[in-house]
Amino acid sequence: MADLLRVRGLTSGYGEAVVVQGVDLALAEGQSLALLGRNGTGKTTLINTLVGVTRRHAGTIELAGQDITGLPAYRRAAAGIGWVPQERNIFKSLTVAENLSAVARPGPWTLERVYAMFPRLAERCANMGNQLSGGEQQMLAVARALVLNPKLLLLDEPLEGLAPIIVEELLRSIARVVRDEGMSAIIVEQNPRLILPMTQRAVVLDRGSVVHEGASAALLADPAQLDRWLAVKGAASDLGP
């Protein structure tokens, strides 16, 4: 299986501050990856570097065989990167339908298809972005990334701060996209027990470097490793806070 994403020796951060150090990473076509680690270990910085909104100090990034290392963020999006940032970044002064149609690109993920996945958005298609709840805004952020029809979907803590019932709904949708539909994806999540069951591989960052890489199922089945890298010993496995 050919690599869709290949990262070599990636070092990046903000200004002169280095956060991510010497990261090597490969993701095959149709593969999903859980990107894990404690708070402040560089997960978001790595995602932001793939998108092109940090300062790169060293290393290269290839997407589908194309070197995108020097491309600005908008050209990386055109090359096939779909991004759902922590801040969601929806257009709050546009309607739901306008948020989607403004960025939609040809492909299997159409407005009708994302409305079918997120019926709440279909019901609120004429509502402005600032009239949506936090959960609905997150659904819109995911839907907007999908209608770009990306080669690679980057989800940065898509479940953060949401009510349990919305978490369940989003988890089902994300699982459908990455597990059932086979879209290549990297998912950052604080609770590994939520995301490991739907991904194939897992990478753990600590102090900006990769300290573990392997099968998601193997990490999920190893409580000692989970506790070592993620401090989840005794953590609840439900969807509560």
Foldseek 3Di string as FASTA:
>chain_A
DDWQKWKAQWWWAADPDTQAGGETDTFRQLAEEEEEFEPSQCPLVVVCQLLADTGIDDIWMDGRNRTCNPPHNVVSLVVFEQEQDPVLPFQQAAFLLCSQVVQADDDDLDPVNLCVLPVVCVVRRRPGNVVDDPLVSLSSSVSNSVRSVGQEYEAEASPPPDDLVSSVSVLVSVLCVRQVVSRYYYHYHLDLLSPLVSGFKYFYGGSNYTDDIDGSVVCVVDVVNCCVGRVCVVPDNGSDD
